[in-house]
Structures are given as C-alpha cells and as structure tokens.
Amino acid sequence: MKPYQDRDWLYQKYINEKLSCSQIATLCSAWHQTISYWLKKHDIKARGYGESNIGRICSLETRKKIGNAQKGKKGRPITDNEKLAASKRMTVYRAQFLEPKPYHSREWLYQKYVVEKLSCYKIAKLCEDYGERVWYWIEKFGLDTRGRSEAVKEHYRQNPEAAKINWANPEYVKKTLASFNIRPTRPEKIFDAMTPENICYTGDGSWWYMLPNGQHKNPDFKVKDQNKVIEIFGDYWHRDDDPQDLIDLYGAIGLGCLVIWEHEIYNNPEGVHSRAIQFTQS
C-alpha cells in the first residue's frame, strides 16, 4: 500500500502542509496524475492552479515569515521589497498562465487527449508549455483521465520500438523494477511454500516474455525445465480479467499457463496444490 492511498496521510500532506501533487509524487516515487486521482478518490478538494503554485513563487522561508506575521508569532514581518518582488513574480506568472493556449479549448483538448490518446506531456510539447498546466485543464474540463498503467500501455502502443529499447537497457530494467517495489505477495508466498522446488518464483523480474499483443510479461512462477508458467490472480486487481485471455496469449508463444485465483489459495489450498502438481506432470 502506497502512502497516498491512506486518506489521513494524503490530507496531511496536501491540505495541512500544502504540498503540491508533484511534490507528493516525488516523495512517493509516483506520477503527479496518480496523486490527483487519489485526491479525487478520497474526496479531498483540490486547489486551483494559481493557488497550488504560490509555493513556487514565494520561497519556503518567505511563506513561513508571512505565516508567522499573520498568526502573530515571533518572526520578522515580510518587508515591502519582498512583497513587491513576490507581486512582480505573480504578475509574470499570471500573464503566462492566462496567455491563450490551444488546450484552453475543450474540443481541441478532447481530440488530443481522449481521441488521439496523446499524453499531457506530448500535448504540452505541442503547445510549448508544461505538462502540469495541460493536466490542470484536463481536470478542469472533466475529461476522463487515464491511470499510470493505461498511460504506459498507450505510450508503448504508439511507440512499439520504445519498449524494446528500454528493456534492453539493464539500468532502465533495474530502475523500473525497483519502482514497482516487487516482492512476493501474501498469496504468492503461500503458494510458493506449498509447491515443490521445481515450481520457481519469477515474479521478481527474473523471467520475461513478449506476448503476441506486444506486452512484456513477467510470470509469477515458472516450472523448471518445462515451457510452463503459473500466474496468481489477485481477487481485486484482476476482478475484471478473463484468465483464458492470458492462457491463450501464452499458448500462442508455446507456453502452457495455469491461472490460480487468490481466494482459491486461501479457501482450498489442497485443491490448489493438487492442480499445480497435475499441471507440472501433464
């Protein structure tokens, strides 16, 4: 579970400490879009773009001084020169923000983001602007946003060679797997303990296959010296998935696949053990 999935933690960082989505995302090694999604999910009211960027215009030290002065705490009040400098920076910022941009049109932004499925960063590049500003207008117009997983899939669909290049780079693979925080889940640990040694855990990224749909797949388990893999489906994350789809994809590249659901491991361990043994001997 990521810190931002906890409402109290996210409320403290975003509302009380007034950190931006980007700053919170940096703390959690996540995307700012992900933080924005969880703000909505937790029903935490988001700040306007101008309010969110006050911290970029005034230094942290200045903001502390302003806060202390307003609350009557001990500290030097902000000087007139500091107020004037901050006002000038705010004026420049507002002029840049209010300058008409193509993404200020809902129809144009809908075409680029929803129909053409361009990322907000690609749209920003078209407009010679920042991705955060485009993201603000995507949310302002109420467009259906894509999650990180869907965004990555769409990126590789539009750039099929990018996946091959990236995954051929050991440093990229190492960094990516580290960001996933890969480790055996609880059902995977239970399954690993109940099965013989010829069924090896490979969900740590030690084995990868290219499926016919262009997806790089890292199976949870592999049977030694056999072209067979075993996948553990979490009841929540795979609730909308049909196991047969994955079995067919593996079959197309000559691999047998057994799919076991999380609830089966908890509720019927003997049956799961029997199926796994039978799968390796068939």
C-alpha atoms as a PDB file:
ATOM      1  CA  MET A   1       0.000   0.000   0.000  1.00  0.00           C
ATOM      2  CA  LYS A   2       1.366   3.401  -1.024  1.00  0.00           C
ATOM      3  CA  PRO A   3       1.287   6.314   1.480  1.00  0.00           C
ATOM      4  CA  TYR A   4      -1.046   8.378  -0.734  1.00  0.00           C
ATOM      5  CA  GLN A   5      -3.642   5.589  -0.610  1.00  0.00           C
ATOM      6  CA  ASP A   6      -4.174   6.498   3.046  1.00  0.00           C
ATOM      7  CA  ARG A   7      -6.584   9.437   3.243  1.00  0.00           C
ATOM      8  CA  ASP A   8      -5.212  10.848   6.513  1.00  0.00           C
ATOM      9  CA  TRP A   9      -1.639  10.874   5.185  1.00  0.00           C
ATOM     10  CA  LEU A  10      -2.650  12.496   1.915  1.00  0.00           C
ATOM     11  CA  TYR A  11      -4.830  15.064   3.703  1.00  0.00           C
ATOM     12  CA  GLN A  12      -1.906  15.998   5.971  1.00  0.00           C
ATOM     13  CA  LYS A  13       0.494  16.482   3.061  1.00  0.00           C
ATOM     14  CA  TYR A  14      -1.880  18.210   0.640  1.00  0.00           C
ATOM     15  CA  ILE A  15      -4.171  20.254   2.891  1.00  0.00           C
ATOM     16  CA  ASN A  16      -2.162  20.884   6.059  1.00  0.00           C
ATOM     17  CA  GLU A  17       1.377  21.026   4.681  1.00  0.00           C
ATOM     18  CA  LYS A  18       0.109  22.419   1.336  1.00  0.00           C
ATOM     19  CA  LEU A  19       2.443  20.304  -0.765  1.00  0.00           C
ATOM     20  CA  SER A  20       1.642  20.151  -4.474  1.00  0.00           C
ATOM     21  CA  CYS A  21       0.728  16.925  -6.296  1.00  0.00           C
ATOM     22  CA  SER A  22       4.173  16.938  -7.901  1.00  0.00           C
ATOM     23  CA  GLN A  23       5.911  17.308  -4.541  1.00  0.00           C
ATOM     24  CA  ILE A  24       3.868  14.489  -3.004  1.00  0.00           C
ATOM     25  CA  ALA A  25       4.520  12.346  -6.074  1.00  0.00           C
ATOM     26  CA  THR A  26       8.262  12.916  -5.650  1.00  0.00           C
ATOM     27  CA  LEU A  27       8.035  11.735  -2.038  1.00  0.00           C
ATOM     28  CA  CYS A  28       6.292   8.527  -3.142  1.00  0.00           C
ATOM     29  CA  SER A  29       8.150   7.893  -6.422  1.00  0.00           C
ATOM     30  CA  ALA A  30       4.842   8.203  -8.281  1.00  0.00           C
ATOM     31  CA  TRP A  31       3.269  10.338 -11.001  1.00  0.00           C
ATOM     32  CA  HIS A  32       1.501  13.561 -10.073  1.00  0.00           C
ATOM     33  CA  GLN A  33      -1.519  12.270 -12.029  1.00  0.00           C
ATOM     34  CA  THR A  34      -1.681   9.353  -9.607  1.00  0.00           C
ATOM     35  CA  ILE A  35      -1.759  11.720  -6.641  1.00  0.00           C
ATOM     36  CA  SER A  36      -4.506  13.754  -8.320  1.00  0.00           C
ATOM     37  CA  TYR A  37      -6.513  10.552  -8.849  1.00  0.00           C
ATOM     38  CA  TRP A  38      -6.297   9.641  -5.152  1.00  0.00           C
ATOM     39  CA  LEU A  39      -7.265  13.172  -4.109  1.00  0.00           C
ATOM     40  CA  LYS A  40     -10.481  12.671  -6.062  1.00  0.00           C
ATOM     41  CA  LYS A  41     -10.945   9.163  -4.704  1.00  0.00           C
ATOM     42  CA  HIS A  42     -10.566  10.391  -1.112  1.00  0.00           C
ATOM     43  CA  ASP A  43     -12.869  13.344  -1.865  1.00  0.00           C
ATOM     44  CA  ILE A  44     -10.180  15.884  -0.954  1.00  0.00           C
ATOM     45  CA  LYS A  45     -10.903  19.210  -2.627  1.00  0.00           C
ATOM     46  CA  ALA A  46      -8.109  20.179  -5.000  1.00  0.00           C
ATOM     47  CA  ARG A  47      -6.646  23.665  -5.047  1.00  0.00           C
ATOM     48  CA  GLY A  48      -6.794  25.887  -8.102  1.00  0.00           C
ATOM     49  CA  TYR A  49      -3.719  26.018 -10.276  1.00  0.00           C
ATOM     50  CA  GLY A  50      -2.732  29.513  -9.207  1.00  0.00           C
ATOM     51  CA  GLU A  51      -3.143  28.697  -5.515  1.00  0.00           C
ATOM     52  CA  SER A  52      -1.137  25.500  -5.921  1.00  0.00           C
ATOM     53  CA  ASN A  53       1.772  27.408  -7.414  1.00  0.00           C
ATOM     54  CA  ILE A  54       2.082  30.100  -4.764  1.00  0.00           C
ATOM     55  CA  GLY A  55       4.809  27.994  -3.203  1.00  0.00           C
ATOM     56  CA  ARG A  56       6.827  28.196  -6.403  1.00  0.00           C
ATOM     57  CA  ILE A  57       6.671  31.974  -6.457  1.00  0.00           C
ATOM     58  CA  CYS A  58       7.400  32.642  -2.793  1.00  0.00           C
ATOM     59  CA  SER A  59      10.233  30.774  -1.120  1.00  0.00           C
ATOM     60  CA  LEU A  60       9.510  28.454   1.795  1.00  0.00           C
ATOM     61  CA  GLU A  61      11.306  30.864   4.114  1.00  0.00           C
ATOM     62  CA  THR A  62       9.161  33.766   2.912  1.00  0.00           C
ATOM     63  CA  ARG A  63       5.964  31.755   3.330  1.00  0.00           C
ATOM     64  CA  LYS A  64       6.970  30.906   6.890  1.00  0.00           C
ATOM     65  CA  LYS A  65       7.629  34.554   7.623  1.00  0.00           C
ATOM     66  CA  ILE A  66       4.245  35.537   6.177  1.00  0.00           C
ATOM     67  CA  GLY A  67       2.525  32.844   8.218  1.00  0.00           C
ATOM     68  CA  ASN A  68       4.283  33.875  11.420  1.00  0.00           C
ATOM     69  CA  ALA A  69       3.441  37.527  10.867  1.00  0.00           C
ATOM     70  CA  GLN A  70      -0.224  36.748  10.185  1.00  0.00           C
ATOM     71  CA  LYS A  71      -0.521  34.488  13.233  1.00  0.00           C
ATOM     72  CA  GLY A  72       1.240  36.957  15.496  1.00  0.00           C
ATOM     73  CA  LYS A  73       4.134  34.584  16.144  1.00  0.00           C
ATOM     74  CA  LYS A  74       7.666  35.671  16.763  1.00  0.00           C
ATOM     75  CA  GLY A  75       9.430  36.428  13.500  1.00  0.00           C
ATOM     76  CA  ARG A  76      10.359  39.242  11.171  1.00  0.00           C
ATOM     77  CA  PRO A  77       7.373  40.525   9.144  1.00  0.00           C
ATOM     78  CA  ILE A  78       7.773  40.477   5.384  1.00  0.00           C
ATOM     79  CA  THR A  79       9.266  43.696   4.057  1.00  0.00           C
ATOM     80  CA  ASP A  80       7.762  45.942   1.382  1.00  0.00           C
ATOM     81  CA  ASN A  81      10.552  44.982  -1.034  1.00  0.00           C
ATOM     82  CA  GLU A  82       9.799  41.297  -0.554  1.00  0.00           C
ATOM     83  CA  LYS A  83       6.095  41.927  -1.129  1.00  0.00           C
ATOM     84  CA  LEU A  84       6.885  43.895  -4.298  1.00  0.00           C
ATOM     85  CA  ALA A  85       9.207  41.178  -5.636  1.00  0.00           C
ATOM     86  CA  ALA A  86       6.617  38.475  -4.954  1.00  0.00           C
ATOM     87  CA  SER A  87       3.915  40.594  -6.607  1.00  0.00           C
ATOM     88  CA  LYS A  88       6.048  41.032  -9.744  1.00  0.00           C
ATOM     89  CA  ARG A  89       6.686  37.303  -9.966  1.00  0.00           C
ATOM     90  CA  MET A  90       2.976  36.624  -9.546  1.00  0.00           C
ATOM     91  CA  THR A  91       2.153  39.135 -12.293  1.00  0.00           C
ATOM     92  CA  VAL A  92       4.576  37.483 -14.715  1.00  0.00           C
ATOM     93  CA  TYR A  93       3.238  34.053 -13.826  1.00  0.00           C
ATOM     94  CA  ARG A  94      -0.393  35.050 -14.299  1.00  0.00           C
ATOM     95  CA  ALA A  95       0.396  36.622 -17.668  1.00  0.00           C
ATOM     96  CA  GLN A  96       1.993  33.357 -18.806  1.00  0.00           C
ATOM     97  CA  PHE A  97      -0.859  31.268 -17.424  1.00  0.00           C
ATOM     98  CA  LEU A  98      -3.618  33.390 -18.923  1.00  0.00           C
ATOM     99  CA  GLU A  99      -1.999  33.561 -22.362  1.00  0.00           C
ATOM    100  CA  PRO A 100      -4.397  31.795 -24.778  1.00  0.00           C
ATOM    101  CA  LYS A 101      -3.293  28.231 -25.492  1.00  0.00           C
ATOM    102  CA  PRO A 102      -4.835  25.552 -27.748  1.00  0.00           C
ATOM    103  CA  TYR A 103      -5.588  23.360 -24.718  1.00  0.00           C
ATOM    104  CA  HIS A 104      -7.871  26.087 -23.332  1.00  0.00           C
ATOM    105  CA  SER A 105     -10.393  24.764 -25.871  1.00  0.00           C
ATOM    106  CA  ARG A 106     -12.265  21.737 -24.585  1.00  0.00           C
ATOM    107  CA  GLU A 107     -12.881  20.373 -28.097  1.00  0.00           C
ATOM    108  CA  TRP A 108      -9.199  20.641 -29.036  1.00  0.00           C
ATOM    109  CA  LEU A 109      -8.028  19.056 -25.783  1.00  0.00           C
ATOM    110  CA  TYR A 110     -10.638  16.291 -26.041  1.00  0.00           C
ATOM    111  CA  GLN A 111      -9.415  15.456 -29.552  1.00  0.00           C
ATOM    112  CA  LYS A 112      -5.771  15.274 -28.482  1.00  0.00           C
ATOM    113  CA  TYR A 113      -6.150  13.579 -25.102  1.00  0.00           C
ATOM    114  CA  VAL A 114      -9.187  11.319 -25.482  1.00  0.00           C
ATOM    115  CA  VAL A 115      -9.414  10.589 -29.221  1.00  0.00           C
ATOM    116  CA  GLU A 116      -5.730  10.634 -30.209  1.00  0.00           C
ATOM    117  CA  LYS A 117      -4.689   9.454 -26.724  1.00  0.00           C
ATOM    118  CA  LEU A 118      -1.704  11.778 -26.505  1.00  0.00           C
ATOM    119  CA  SER A 119      -0.192  12.161 -23.050  1.00  0.00           C
ATOM    120  CA  CYS A 120      -0.422  15.529 -21.317  1.00  0.00           C
ATOM    121  CA  TYR A 121       3.346  15.901 -21.776  1.00  0.00           C
ATOM    122  CA  LYS A 122       3.092  15.365 -25.534  1.00  0.00           C
ATOM    123  CA  ILE A 123       0.257  17.870 -25.674  1.00  0.00           C
ATOM    124  CA  ALA A 124       2.358  20.300 -23.648  1.00  0.00           C
ATOM    125  CA  LYS A 125       5.227  19.838 -26.090  1.00  0.00           C
ATOM    126  CA  LEU A 126       2.902  20.712 -28.978  1.00  0.00           C
ATOM    127  CA  CYS A 127       1.970  23.899 -27.151  1.00  0.00           C
ATOM    128  CA  GLU A 128       5.483  24.658 -25.880  1.00  0.00           C
ATOM    129  CA  ASP A 129       4.192  24.569 -22.325  1.00  0.00           C
ATOM    130  CA  TYR A 130       4.328  22.497 -19.146  1.00  0.00           C
ATOM    131  CA  GLY A 131       2.585  19.171 -18.612  1.00  0.00           C
ATOM    132  CA  GLU A 132       1.169  20.301 -15.250  1.00  0.00           C
ATOM    133  CA  ARG A 133      -0.736  23.125 -16.950  1.00  0.00           C
ATOM    134  CA  VAL A 134      -2.240  20.784 -19.521  1.00  0.00           C
ATOM    135  CA  TRP A 135      -3.205  18.395 -16.726  1.00  0.00           C
ATOM    136  CA  TYR A 136      -4.981  21.244 -14.918  1.00  0.00           C
ATOM    137  CA  TRP A 137      -7.167  21.917 -17.964  1.00  0.00           C
ATOM    138  CA  ILE A 138      -7.852  18.201 -18.483  1.00  0.00           C
ATOM    139  CA  GLU A 139      -9.289  18.102 -14.960  1.00  0.00           C
ATOM    140  CA  LYS A 140     -11.000  21.488 -15.356  1.00  0.00           C
ATOM    141  CA  PHE A 141     -12.929  20.223 -18.397  1.00  0.00           C
ATOM    142  CA  GLY A 142     -13.799  16.997 -16.582  1.00  0.00           C
ATOM    143  CA  LEU A 143     -12.192  14.704 -19.170  1.00  0.00           C
ATOM    144  CA  ASP A 144     -11.807  11.060 -18.204  1.00  0.00           C
ATOM    145  CA  THR A 145      -8.200  10.677 -17.118  1.00  0.00           C
ATOM    146  CA  ARG A 146      -6.018   7.640 -17.688  1.00  0.00           C
ATOM    147  CA  GLY A 147      -4.238   5.861 -14.860  1.00  0.00           C
ATOM    148  CA  ARG A 148      -0.485   5.294 -14.927  1.00  0.00           C
ATOM    149  CA  SER A 149      -0.780   1.711 -16.128  1.00  0.00           C
ATOM    150  CA  GLU A 150      -3.075   2.645 -19.012  1.00  0.00           C
ATOM    151  CA  ALA A 151      -0.893   5.620 -19.904  1.00  0.00           C
ATOM    152  CA  VAL A 152       2.232   3.453 -20.076  1.00  0.00           C
ATOM    153  CA  LYS A 153       0.462   0.870 -22.213  1.00  0.00           C
ATOM    154  CA  GLU A 154      -0.738   3.581 -24.595  1.00  0.00           C
ATOM    155  CA  HIS A 155       2.775   5.032 -24.776  1.00  0.00           C
ATOM    156  CA  TYR A 156       4.232   1.687 -25.823  1.00  0.00           C
ATOM    157  CA  ARG A 157       1.361   1.072 -28.237  1.00  0.00           C
ATOM    158  CA  GLN A 158       2.175   4.344 -30.002  1.00  0.00           C
ATOM    159  CA  ASN A 159       5.921   3.713 -29.746  1.00  0.00           C
ATOM    160  CA  PRO A 160       6.391  -0.068 -30.216  1.00  0.00           C
ATOM    161  CA  GLU A 161      10.161   0.240 -30.558  1.00  0.00           C
ATOM    162  CA  ALA A 162      10.467   2.153 -27.296  1.00  0.00           C
ATOM    163  CA  ALA A 163       9.750  -0.948 -25.203  1.00  0.00           C
ATOM    164  CA  LYS A 164      12.463  -2.959 -26.936  1.00  0.00           C
ATOM    165  CA  ILE A 165      14.997  -0.178 -26.500  1.00  0.00           C
ATOM    166  CA  ASN A 166      14.131   0.465 -22.854  1.00  0.00           C
ATOM    167  CA  TRP A 167      14.063  -3.158 -21.746  1.00  0.00           C
ATOM    168  CA  ALA A 168      17.353  -3.830 -23.488  1.00  0.00           C
ATOM    169  CA  ASN A 169      18.925  -1.306 -21.107  1.00  0.00           C
ATOM    170  CA  PRO A 170      19.902  -3.015 -17.795  1.00  0.00           C
ATOM    171  CA  GLU A 171      19.815   0.288 -15.904  1.00  0.00           C
ATOM    172  CA  TYR A 172      16.271   1.000 -17.096  1.00  0.00           C
ATOM    173  CA  VAL A 173      15.125  -2.507 -16.084  1.00  0.00           C
ATOM    174  CA  LYS A 174      16.736  -2.177 -12.658  1.00  0.00           C
ATOM    175  CA  LYS A 175      15.188   1.245 -12.025  1.00  0.00           C
ATOM    176  CA  THR A 176      11.750   0.173 -13.265  1.00  0.00           C
ATOM    177  CA  LEU A 177      11.608  -2.976 -11.169  1.00  0.00           C
ATOM    178  CA  ALA A 178      12.756  -1.034  -8.111  1.00  0.00           C
ATOM    179  CA  SER A 179       9.926   1.466  -8.624  1.00  0.00           C
ATOM    180  CA  PHE A 180       7.434  -1.411  -8.752  1.00  0.00           C
ATOM    181  CA  ASN A 181       8.625  -2.441  -5.277  1.00  0.00           C
ATOM    182  CA  ILE A 182       8.408  -6.058  -6.486  1.00  0.00           C
ATOM    183  CA  ARG A 183       8.232  -8.750  -3.838  1.00  0.00           C
ATOM    184  CA  PRO A 184       6.129 -11.882  -3.371  1.00  0.00           C
ATOM    185  CA  THR A 185       2.599 -11.024  -2.300  1.00  0.00           C
ATOM    186  CA  ARG A 186       0.998 -12.943   0.551  1.00  0.00           C
ATOM    187  CA  PRO A 187      -0.869 -15.410  -1.717  1.00  0.00           C
ATOM    188  CA  GLU A 188       2.313 -15.891  -3.770  1.00  0.00           C
ATOM    189  CA  LYS A 189       4.278 -16.697  -0.607  1.00  0.00           C
ATOM    190  CA  ILE A 190       1.666 -19.243   0.481  1.00  0.00           C
ATOM    191  CA  PHE A 191       1.615 -20.837  -2.965  1.00  0.00           C
ATOM    192  CA  ASP A 192       5.415 -20.952  -3.104  1.00  0.00           C
ATOM    193  CA  ALA A 193       5.567 -22.691   0.291  1.00  0.00           C
ATOM    194  CA  MET A 194       3.050 -25.378  -0.659  1.00  0.00           C
ATOM    195  CA  THR A 195       4.523 -26.326  -4.049  1.00  0.00           C
ATOM    196  CA  PRO A 196       7.623 -28.415  -4.898  1.00  0.00           C
ATOM    197  CA  GLU A 197      11.011 -26.918  -5.751  1.00  0.00           C
ATOM    198  CA  ASN A 198      10.557 -27.319  -9.488  1.00  0.00           C
ATOM    199  CA  ILE A 199       7.981 -24.514  -9.355  1.00  0.00           C
ATOM    200  CA  CYS A 200      10.119 -21.372  -9.007  1.00  0.00           C
ATOM    201  CA  TYR A 201       9.044 -17.838  -8.142  1.00  0.00           C
ATOM    202  CA  THR A 202       9.960 -15.495 -11.006  1.00  0.00           C
ATOM    203  CA  GLY A 203       7.744 -12.506 -10.195  1.00  0.00           C
ATOM    204  CA  ASP A 204      10.859 -10.576  -9.195  1.00  0.00           C
ATOM    205  CA  GLY A 205      11.554  -9.830 -12.853  1.00  0.00           C
ATOM    206  CA  SER A 206      13.956 -12.719 -13.462  1.00  0.00           C
ATOM    207  CA  TRP A 207      11.948 -14.014 -16.460  1.00  0.00           C
ATOM    208  CA  TRP A 208      10.251 -12.010 -19.188  1.00  0.00           C
ATOM    209  CA  TYR A 209       8.315 -12.966 -22.319  1.00  0.00           C
ATOM    210  CA  MET A 210       6.998 -10.952 -25.240  1.00  0.00           C
ATOM    211  CA  LEU A 211       3.335 -11.830 -25.819  1.00  0.00           C
ATOM    212  CA  PRO A 212       1.655 -11.613 -29.248  1.00  0.00           C
ATOM    213  CA  ASN A 213      -0.136  -8.400 -28.230  1.00  0.00           C
ATOM    214  CA  GLY A 214       3.246  -6.697 -27.734  1.00  0.00           C
ATOM    215  CA  GLN A 215       3.102  -6.849 -23.935  1.00  0.00           C
ATOM    216  CA  HIS A 216       6.225  -7.736 -21.947  1.00  0.00           C
ATOM    217  CA  LYS A 217       5.019 -10.267 -19.360  1.00  0.00           C
ATOM    218  CA  ASN A 218       6.791 -11.331 -16.188  1.00  0.00           C
ATOM    219  CA  PRO A 219       5.076 -14.538 -14.942  1.00  0.00           C
ATOM    220  CA  ASP A 220       4.694 -15.140 -11.221  1.00  0.00           C
ATOM    221  CA  PHE A 221       6.055 -18.702 -11.349  1.00  0.00           C
ATOM    222  CA  LYS A 222       7.840 -20.919 -13.863  1.00  0.00           C
ATOM    223  CA  VAL A 223       8.172 -24.696 -13.950  1.00  0.00           C
ATOM    224  CA  LYS A 224      11.799 -25.767 -14.200  1.00  0.00           C
ATOM    225  CA  ASP A 225      12.855 -27.386 -17.475  1.00  0.00           C
ATOM    226  CA  GLN A 226       9.314 -27.048 -18.876  1.00  0.00           C
ATOM    227  CA  ASN A 227       7.595 -24.479 -21.059  1.00  0.00           C
ATOM    228  CA  LYS A 228       5.009 -23.789 -18.393  1.00  0.00           C
ATOM    229  CA  VAL A 229       4.187 -20.791 -16.215  1.00  0.00           C
ATOM    230  CA  ILE A 230       1.781 -20.182 -13.345  1.00  0.00           C
ATOM    231  CA  GLU A 231       0.041 -16.869 -12.698  1.00  0.00           C
ATOM    232  CA  ILE A 232      -1.603 -15.839  -9.404  1.00  0.00           C
ATOM    233  CA  PHE A 233      -4.603 -13.567  -9.956  1.00  0.00           C
ATOM    234  CA  GLY A 234      -5.449 -11.184  -7.109  1.00  0.00           C
ATOM    235  CA  ASP A 235      -9.189 -11.031  -6.497  1.00  0.00           C
ATOM    236  CA  TYR A 236      -9.207  -7.218  -6.609  1.00  0.00           C
ATOM    237  CA  TRP A 237      -6.662  -6.316  -9.271  1.00  0.00           C
ATOM    238  CA  HIS A 238      -7.823  -8.987 -11.730  1.00  0.00           C
ATOM    239  CA  ARG A 239     -11.535  -8.837 -10.915  1.00  0.00           C
ATOM    240  CA  ASP A 240     -12.415  -7.830 -14.483  1.00  0.00           C
ATOM    241  CA  ASP A 241      -9.935 -10.166 -16.219  1.00  0.00           C
ATOM    242  CA  ASP A 242     -10.728 -13.409 -18.022  1.00  0.00           C
ATOM    243  CA  PRO A 243      -7.918 -15.925 -17.247  1.00  0.00           C
ATOM    244  CA  GLN A 244      -8.474 -17.626 -20.594  1.00  0.00           C
ATOM    245  CA  ASP A 245      -7.280 -14.499 -22.419  1.00  0.00           C
ATOM    246  CA  LEU A 246      -3.869 -14.749 -20.744  1.00  0.00           C
ATOM    247  CA  ILE A 247      -3.738 -18.524 -21.209  1.00  0.00           C
ATOM    248  CA  ASP A 248      -4.347 -18.077 -24.945  1.00  0.00           C
ATOM    249  CA  LEU A 249      -1.616 -15.417 -25.217  1.00  0.00           C
ATOM    250  CA  TYR A 250       0.915 -17.677 -23.530  1.00  0.00           C
ATOM    251  CA  GLY A 251      -0.226 -20.586 -25.688  1.00  0.00           C
ATOM    252  CA  ALA A 252       0.467 -18.570 -28.831  1.00  0.00           C
ATOM    253  CA  ILE A 253       4.184 -18.469 -27.929  1.00  0.00           C
ATOM    254  CA  GLY A 254       4.343 -22.126 -26.910  1.00  0.00           C
ATOM    255  CA  LEU A 255       3.920 -21.781 -23.155  1.00  0.00           C
ATOM    256  CA  GLY A 256       1.392 -23.611 -21.019  1.00  0.00           C
ATOM    257  CA  CYS A 257      -0.237 -21.459 -18.370  1.00  0.00           C
ATOM    258  CA  LEU A 258      -2.109 -22.225 -15.177  1.00  0.00           C
ATOM    259  CA  VAL A 259      -4.054 -19.400 -13.518  1.00  0.00           C
ATOM    260  CA  ILE A 260      -4.900 -19.624  -9.822  1.00  0.00           C
ATOM    261  CA  TRP A 261      -7.071 -17.098  -8.005  1.00  0.00           C
ATOM    262  CA  GLU A 262      -6.165 -15.590  -4.651  1.00  0.00           C
ATOM    263  CA  HIS A 263      -9.327 -16.842  -2.946  1.00  0.00           C
ATOM    264  CA  GLU A 264      -8.577 -20.404  -4.089  1.00  0.00           C
ATOM    265  CA  ILE A 265      -5.248 -20.338  -2.252  1.00  0.00           C
ATOM    266  CA  TYR A 266      -6.947 -19.225   0.959  1.00  0.00           C
ATOM    267  CA  ASN A 267     -10.095 -21.350   0.745  1.00  0.00           C
ATOM    268  CA  ASN A 268      -8.915 -24.528  -0.968  1.00  0.00           C
ATOM    269  CA  PRO A 269      -5.137 -24.972  -0.542  1.00  0.00           C
ATOM    270  CA  GLU A 270      -5.327 -28.750  -1.045  1.00  0.00           C
ATOM    271  CA  GLY A 271      -7.102 -28.313  -4.361  1.00  0.00           C
ATOM    272  CA  VAL A 272      -4.589 -25.675  -5.476  1.00  0.00           C
ATOM    273  CA  HIS A 273      -1.670 -27.947  -4.576  1.00  0.00           C
ATOM    274  CA  SER A 274      -3.245 -30.827  -6.491  1.00  0.00           C
ATOM    275  CA  ARG A 275      -3.846 -28.676  -9.594  1.00  0.00           C
ATOM    276  CA  ALA A 276      -0.275 -27.385  -9.535  1.00  0.00           C
ATOM    277  CA  ILE A 277       1.189 -30.907  -9.324  1.00  0.00           C
ATOM    278  CA  GLN A 278      -1.107 -32.153 -12.060  1.00  0.00           C
ATOM    279  CA  PHE A 279      -0.139 -29.154 -14.250  1.00  0.00           C
ATOM    280  CA  THR A 280       3.579 -29.940 -13.958  1.00  0.00           C
ATOM    281  CA  GLN A 281       3.063 -33.638 -14.718  1.00  0.00           C
ATOM    282  CA  SER A 282       0.705 -33.299 -17.648  1.00  0.00           C
END
